[in-house]
PDB file of N, CA and C in Angstrom:
ATOM      1  N   MET A   1      -1.815 -26.558   1.635  1.00  0.00           N
ATOM      2  CA  MET A   1      -0.553 -26.026   1.923  1.00  0.00           C
ATOM      3  C   MET A   1      -0.115 -26.412   0.830  1.00  0.00           C
ATOM      4  N   LYS A   2       1.142 -25.087  -0.076  1.00  0.00           N
ATOM      5  CA  LYS A   2       1.672 -25.289  -1.113  1.00  0.00           C
ATOM      6  C   LYS A   2       3.217 -25.145  -0.454  1.00  0.00           C
ATOM      7  N   LEU A   3       4.147 -25.982  -0.913  1.00  0.00           N
ATOM      8  CA  LEU A   3       5.436 -25.417  -1.069  1.00  0.00           C
ATOM      9  C   LEU A   3       6.000 -24.862  -2.196  1.00  0.00           C
ATOM     10  N   LEU A   4       6.984 -23.945  -1.834  1.00  0.00           N
ATOM     11  CA  LEU A   4       7.348 -23.657  -3.420  1.00  0.00           C
ATOM     12  C   LEU A   4       9.023 -23.350  -2.570  1.00  0.00           C
ATOM     13  N   SER A   5      10.056 -23.990  -3.858  1.00  0.00           N
ATOM     14  CA  SER A   5      11.414 -23.905  -3.489  1.00  0.00           C
ATOM     15  C   SER A   5      11.569 -22.627  -4.078  1.00  0.00           C
ATOM     16  N   THR A   6      13.064 -22.065  -3.475  1.00  0.00           N
ATOM     17  CA  THR A   6      13.589 -20.593  -3.582  1.00  0.00           C
ATOM     18  C   THR A   6      13.790 -20.526  -5.288  1.00  0.00           C
ATOM     19  N   LYS A   7      13.909 -21.326  -6.132  1.00  0.00           N
ATOM     20  CA  LYS A   7      13.889 -21.249  -7.844  1.00  0.00           C
ATOM     21  C   LYS A   7      12.441 -20.612  -7.790  1.00  0.00           C
ATOM     22  N   GLU A   8      11.156 -21.757  -7.452  1.00  0.00           N
ATOM     23  CA  GLU A   8      10.098 -21.426  -7.808  1.00  0.00           C
ATOM     24  C   GLU A   8       9.487 -20.129  -6.981  1.00  0.00           C
ATOM     25  N   VAL A   9      10.110 -19.631  -5.865  1.00  0.00           N
ATOM     26  CA  VAL A   9       9.615 -18.252  -5.565  1.00  0.00           C
ATOM     27  C   VAL A   9      10.204 -17.307  -6.069  1.00  0.00           C
ATOM     28  N   ALA A  10      11.437 -17.463  -6.835  1.00  0.00           N
ATOM     29  CA  ALA A  10      12.234 -16.089  -7.371  1.00  0.00           C
ATOM     30  C   ALA A  10      10.981 -16.178  -8.811  1.00  0.00           C
ATOM     31  N   GLN A  11      10.688 -17.363  -9.356  1.00  0.00           N
ATOM     32  CA  GLN A  11      10.172 -17.163 -10.659  1.00  0.00           C
ATOM     33  C   GLN A  11       8.504 -16.536 -10.438  1.00  0.00           C
ATOM     34  N   TYR A  12       8.091 -16.303  -9.028  1.00  0.00           N
ATOM     35  CA  TYR A  12       6.934 -15.874  -8.817  1.00  0.00           C
ATOM     36  C   TYR A  12       6.564 -14.733  -8.569  1.00  0.00           C
ATOM     37  N   LEU A  13       7.760 -14.392  -7.496  1.00  0.00           N
ATOM     38  CA  LEU A  13       8.146 -13.002  -7.340  1.00  0.00           C
ATOM     39  C   LEU A  13       8.925 -12.500  -8.406  1.00  0.00           C
ATOM     40  N   GLY A  14       9.536 -12.826  -9.659  1.00  0.00           N
ATOM     41  CA  GLY A  14      10.011 -12.081 -10.537  1.00  0.00           C
ATOM     42  C   GLY A  14      11.350 -11.252 -10.014  1.00  0.00           C
ATOM     43  N   PHE A  15      12.166 -12.433  -9.013  1.00  0.00           N
ATOM     44  CA  PHE A  15      13.399 -12.189  -8.952  1.00  0.00           C
ATOM     45  C   PHE A  15      14.415 -12.808  -9.271  1.00  0.00           C
ATOM     46  N   SER A  16      15.280 -12.875  -9.043  1.00  0.00           N
ATOM     47  CA  SER A  16      16.429 -13.721  -9.143  1.00  0.00           C
ATOM     48  C   SER A  16      16.687 -15.153  -7.880  1.00  0.00           C
ATOM     49  N   VAL A  17      17.528 -15.725  -8.182  1.00  0.00           N
ATOM     50  CA  VAL A  17      17.457 -16.825  -7.146  1.00  0.00           C
ATOM     51  C   VAL A  17      18.512 -15.936  -6.419  1.00  0.00           C
ATOM     52  N   ASP A  18      19.926 -15.339  -6.535  1.00  0.00           N
ATOM     53  CA  ASP A  18      20.689 -14.980  -5.927  1.00  0.00           C
ATOM     54  C   ASP A  18      19.605 -13.774  -4.934  1.00  0.00           C
ATOM     55  N   ARG A  19      18.740 -12.860  -5.618  1.00  0.00           N
ATOM     56  CA  ARG A  19      18.176 -12.293  -4.780  1.00  0.00           C
ATOM     57  C   ARG A  19      17.380 -12.725  -3.687  1.00  0.00           C
ATOM     58  N   ILE A  20      16.700 -13.488  -4.126  1.00  0.00           N
ATOM     59  CA  ILE A  20      15.979 -14.523  -2.840  1.00  0.00           C
ATOM     60  C   ILE A  20      16.769 -15.013  -1.805  1.00  0.00           C
ATOM     61  N   ARG A  21      17.934 -15.430  -2.182  1.00  0.00           N
ATOM     62  CA  ARG A  21      19.140 -15.886  -0.786  1.00  0.00           C
ATOM     63  C   ARG A  21      19.425 -14.391  -0.680  1.00  0.00           C
ATOM     64  N   LYS A  22      19.950 -13.579  -0.550  1.00  0.00           N
ATOM     65  CA  LYS A  22      20.431 -12.617  -0.254  1.00  0.00           C
ATOM     66  C   LYS A  22      19.368 -11.520   1.006  1.00  0.00           C
ATOM     67  N   MET A  23      18.038 -11.848   0.905  1.00  0.00           N
ATOM     68  CA  MET A  23      16.811 -11.460   1.183  1.00  0.00           C
ATOM     69  C   MET A  23      16.685 -12.465   2.399  1.00  0.00           C
ATOM     70  N   ARG A  24      17.023 -13.749   2.771  1.00  0.00           N
ATOM     71  CA  ARG A  24      17.014 -14.619   3.488  1.00  0.00           C
ATOM     72  C   ARG A  24      18.001 -14.598   4.595  1.00  0.00           C
ATOM     73  N   MET A  25      19.067 -14.289   4.124  1.00  0.00           N
ATOM     74  CA  MET A  25      20.337 -13.921   4.919  1.00  0.00           C
ATOM     75  C   MET A  25      20.107 -13.037   6.115  1.00  0.00           C
ATOM     76  N   ARG A  26      20.803 -13.871   7.529  1.00  0.00           N
ATOM     77  CA  ARG A  26      20.219 -13.326   8.655  1.00  0.00           C
ATOM     78  C   ARG A  26      20.530 -11.808   8.758  1.00  0.00           C
ATOM     79  N   LYS A  27      21.686 -11.281   8.177  1.00  0.00           N
ATOM     80  CA  LYS A  27      22.351  -9.777   8.400  1.00  0.00           C
ATOM     81  C   LYS A  27      21.115  -9.032   7.455  1.00  0.00           C
ATOM     82  N   ASN A  28      20.655  -9.165   6.486  1.00  0.00           N
ATOM     83  CA  ASN A  28      19.452  -8.440   5.970  1.00  0.00           C
ATOM     84  C   ASN A  28      18.057  -9.105   6.439  1.00  0.00           C
ATOM     85  N   GLN A  29      17.963  -9.673   7.604  1.00  0.00           N
ATOM     86  CA  GLN A  29      16.136 -10.265   7.694  1.00  0.00           C
ATOM     87  C   GLN A  29      15.725  -8.609   8.327  1.00  0.00           C
ATOM     88  N   ALA A  30      16.800  -7.834   9.039  1.00  0.00           N
ATOM     89  CA  ALA A  30      15.562  -6.779   9.306  1.00  0.00           C
ATOM     90  C   ALA A  30      15.475  -5.745   8.920  1.00  0.00           C
ATOM     91  N   ILE A  31      16.114  -5.977   7.401  1.00  0.00           N
ATOM     92  CA  ILE A  31      15.695  -4.909   6.146  1.00  0.00           C
ATOM     93  C   ILE A  31      14.309  -5.422   5.475  1.00  0.00           C
ATOM     94  N   TYR A  32      14.474  -6.902   5.067  1.00  0.00           N
ATOM     95  CA  TYR A  32      13.475  -7.461   4.073  1.00  0.00           C
ATOM     96  C   TYR A  32      12.321  -8.291   4.703  1.00  0.00           C
ATOM     97  N   ASN A  33      12.714  -8.551   6.009  1.00  0.00           N
ATOM     98  CA  ASN A  33      12.009  -9.581   6.918  1.00  0.00           C
ATOM     99  C   ASN A  33      11.038 -10.704   6.217  1.00  0.00           C
ATOM    100  N   PHE A  34      11.830 -11.400   5.421  1.00  0.00           N
ATOM    101  CA  PHE A  34      11.724 -12.488   4.500  1.00  0.00           C
ATOM    102  C   PHE A  34      11.354 -13.758   5.386  1.00  0.00           C
ATOM    103  N   PRO A  35      10.356 -14.467   4.661  1.00  0.00           N
ATOM    104  CA  PRO A  35      10.092 -15.660   5.603  1.00  0.00           C
ATOM    105  C   PRO A  35      11.459 -16.842   5.779  1.00  0.00           C
ATOM    106  N   LYS A  36      11.456 -17.341   6.517  1.00  0.00           N
ATOM    107  CA  LYS A  36      12.283 -18.383   7.195  1.00  0.00           C
ATOM    108  C   LYS A  36      12.348 -19.378   6.356  1.00  0.00           C
ATOM    109  N   GLY A  37      11.528 -20.335   6.117  1.00  0.00           N
ATOM    110  CA  GLY A  37      11.056 -21.131   5.078  1.00  0.00           C
ATOM    111  C   GLY A  37      11.444 -22.376   5.997  1.00  0.00           C
ATOM    112  N   VAL A  38      11.400 -23.423   5.544  1.00  0.00           N
ATOM    113  CA  VAL A  38      11.581 -24.710   5.979  1.00  0.00           C
ATOM    114  C   VAL A  38      12.550 -25.895   5.222  1.00  0.00           C
ATOM    115  N   ARG A  39      13.029 -26.500   5.896  1.00  0.00           N
ATOM    116  CA  ARG A  39      14.683 -27.246   4.858  1.00  0.00           C
ATOM    117  C   ARG A  39      13.755 -28.603   5.029  1.00  0.00           C
ATOM    118  N   VAL A  40      13.731 -29.024   3.789  1.00  0.00           N
ATOM    119  CA  VAL A  40      13.237 -30.277   3.278  1.00  0.00           C
ATOM    120  C   VAL A  40      14.265 -31.255   2.597  1.00  0.00           C
ATOM    121  N   GLY A  41      14.640 -31.923   3.333  1.00  0.00           N
ATOM    122  CA  GLY A  41      16.433 -32.549   2.699  1.00  0.00           C
ATOM    123  C   GLY A  41      17.066 -31.370   2.778  1.00  0.00           C
ATOM    124  N   LYS A  42      17.685 -31.287   1.128  1.00  0.00           N
ATOM    125  CA  LYS A  42      18.547 -30.048   1.188  1.00  0.00           C
ATOM    126  C   LYS A  42      18.120 -28.955   0.258  1.00  0.00           C
ATOM    127  N   VAL A  43      17.027 -28.757   0.508  1.00  0.00           N
ATOM    128  CA  VAL A  43      16.261 -27.489  -0.310  1.00  0.00           C
ATOM    129  C   VAL A  43      15.575 -26.626   0.731  1.00  0.00           C
ATOM    130  N   LEU A  44      15.609 -25.346   0.791  1.00  0.00           N
ATOM    131  CA  LEU A  44      14.356 -24.790   1.290  1.00  0.00           C
ATOM    132  C   LEU A  44      13.374 -24.672   1.171  1.00  0.00           C
ATOM    133  N   MET A  45      12.106 -24.881   1.396  1.00  0.00           N
ATOM    134  CA  MET A  45      10.761 -24.601   1.161  1.00  0.00           C
ATOM    135  C   MET A  45       9.767 -23.585   1.372  1.00  0.00           C
ATOM    136  N   TYR A  46       9.067 -22.618   1.099  1.00  0.00           N
ATOM    137  CA  TYR A  46       8.533 -21.558   1.635  1.00  0.00           C
ATOM    138  C   TYR A  46       6.840 -21.871   1.240  1.00  0.00           C
ATOM    139  N   GLU A  47       6.457 -21.684   2.175  1.00  0.00           N
ATOM    140  CA  GLU A  47       4.860 -21.836   1.962  1.00  0.00           C
ATOM    141  C   GLU A  47       4.211 -20.371   1.264  1.00  0.00           C
ATOM    142  N   LYS A  48       3.497 -20.885  -0.111  1.00  0.00           N
ATOM    143  CA  LYS A  48       2.711 -19.603  -0.782  1.00  0.00           C
ATOM    144  C   LYS A  48       2.298 -18.913   0.045  1.00  0.00           C
ATOM    145  N   LYS A  49       1.481 -18.975   1.252  1.00  0.00           N
ATOM    146  CA  LYS A  49       0.567 -18.263   1.761  1.00  0.00           C
ATOM    147  C   LYS A  49       1.427 -17.136   2.659  1.00  0.00           C
ATOM    148  N   GLU A  50       2.933 -17.808   3.395  1.00  0.00           N
ATOM    149  CA  GLU A  50       3.640 -17.077   3.672  1.00  0.00           C
ATOM    150  C   GLU A  50       3.993 -15.698   2.777  1.00  0.00           C
ATOM    151  N   ILE A  51       4.687 -16.288   1.412  1.00  0.00           N
ATOM    152  CA  ILE A  51       4.868 -15.539   0.822  1.00  0.00           C
ATOM    153  C   ILE A  51       4.070 -14.192   0.471  1.00  0.00           C
ATOM    154  N   ASP A  52       2.797 -14.849  -0.070  1.00  0.00           N
ATOM    155  CA  ASP A  52       1.333 -13.870  -0.504  1.00  0.00           C
ATOM    156  C   ASP A  52       1.674 -13.170   1.008  1.00  0.00           C
ATOM    157  N   ASP A  53       1.797 -13.501   2.180  1.00  0.00           N
ATOM    158  CA  ASP A  53       1.641 -12.083   3.218  1.00  0.00           C
ATOM    159  C   ASP A  53       2.866 -11.422   3.307  1.00  0.00           C
ATOM    160  N   TRP A  54       4.165 -11.713   2.898  1.00  0.00           N
ATOM    161  CA  TRP A  54       5.295 -11.069   3.030  1.00  0.00           C
ATOM    162  C   TRP A  54       4.843  -9.910   1.696  1.00  0.00           C
ATOM    163  N   ILE A  55       4.187 -10.508   0.187  1.00  0.00           N
ATOM    164  CA  ILE A  55       4.202  -9.619  -0.091  1.00  0.00           C
ATOM    165  C   ILE A  55       3.004  -8.048  -0.380  1.00  0.00           C
ATOM    166  N   LYS A  56       2.413  -8.673   0.562  1.00  0.00           N
ATOM    167  CA  LYS A  56       0.854  -7.539   1.199  1.00  0.00           C
ATOM    168  C   LYS A  56       1.464  -6.560   2.294  1.00  0.00           C
ATOM    169  N   TYR A  57       2.562  -7.128   3.064  1.00  0.00           N
ATOM    170  CA  TYR A  57       3.359  -6.534   4.549  1.00  0.00           C
ATOM    171  C   TYR A  57       3.987  -5.382   3.748  1.00  0.00           C
ATOM    172  N   CYS A  58       4.744  -5.803   2.754  1.00  0.00           N
ATOM    173  CA  CYS A  58       5.642  -5.013   1.775  1.00  0.00           C
ATOM    174  C   CYS A  58       5.083  -3.967   1.113  1.00  0.00           C
ATOM    175  N   LYS A  59       4.144  -4.127   0.594  1.00  0.00           N
ATOM    176  CA  LYS A  59       2.939  -2.938   0.057  1.00  0.00           C
ATOM    177  C   LYS A  59       2.668  -2.015   0.968  1.00  0.00           C
ATOM    178  N   VAL A  60       2.311  -2.669   2.025  1.00  0.00           N
ATOM    179  CA  VAL A  60       1.916  -1.913   2.932  1.00  0.00           C
ATOM    180  C   VAL A  60       2.896  -0.477   3.536  1.00  0.00           C
ATOM    181  N   SER A  61       4.104  -1.187   3.814  1.00  0.00           N
ATOM    182  CA  SER A  61       4.923  -0.221   4.304  1.00  0.00           C
ATOM    183  C   SER A  61       5.510   0.911   3.095  1.00  0.00           C
TER     184      SER A  61
END
């Protein structure tokens, strides 16, 4: 299980950090269905597998 920070996810997907934060917002959750993530200290971390699954889901839709 590999955990990625918001900055690492942004680099992995080719988005800006602000774009990732926008997709994560509760009001945008129905639109993007972005993974929730896990808070480790003050940093939100995401499982790489969750991000990969989300990408596959977006490409199918």
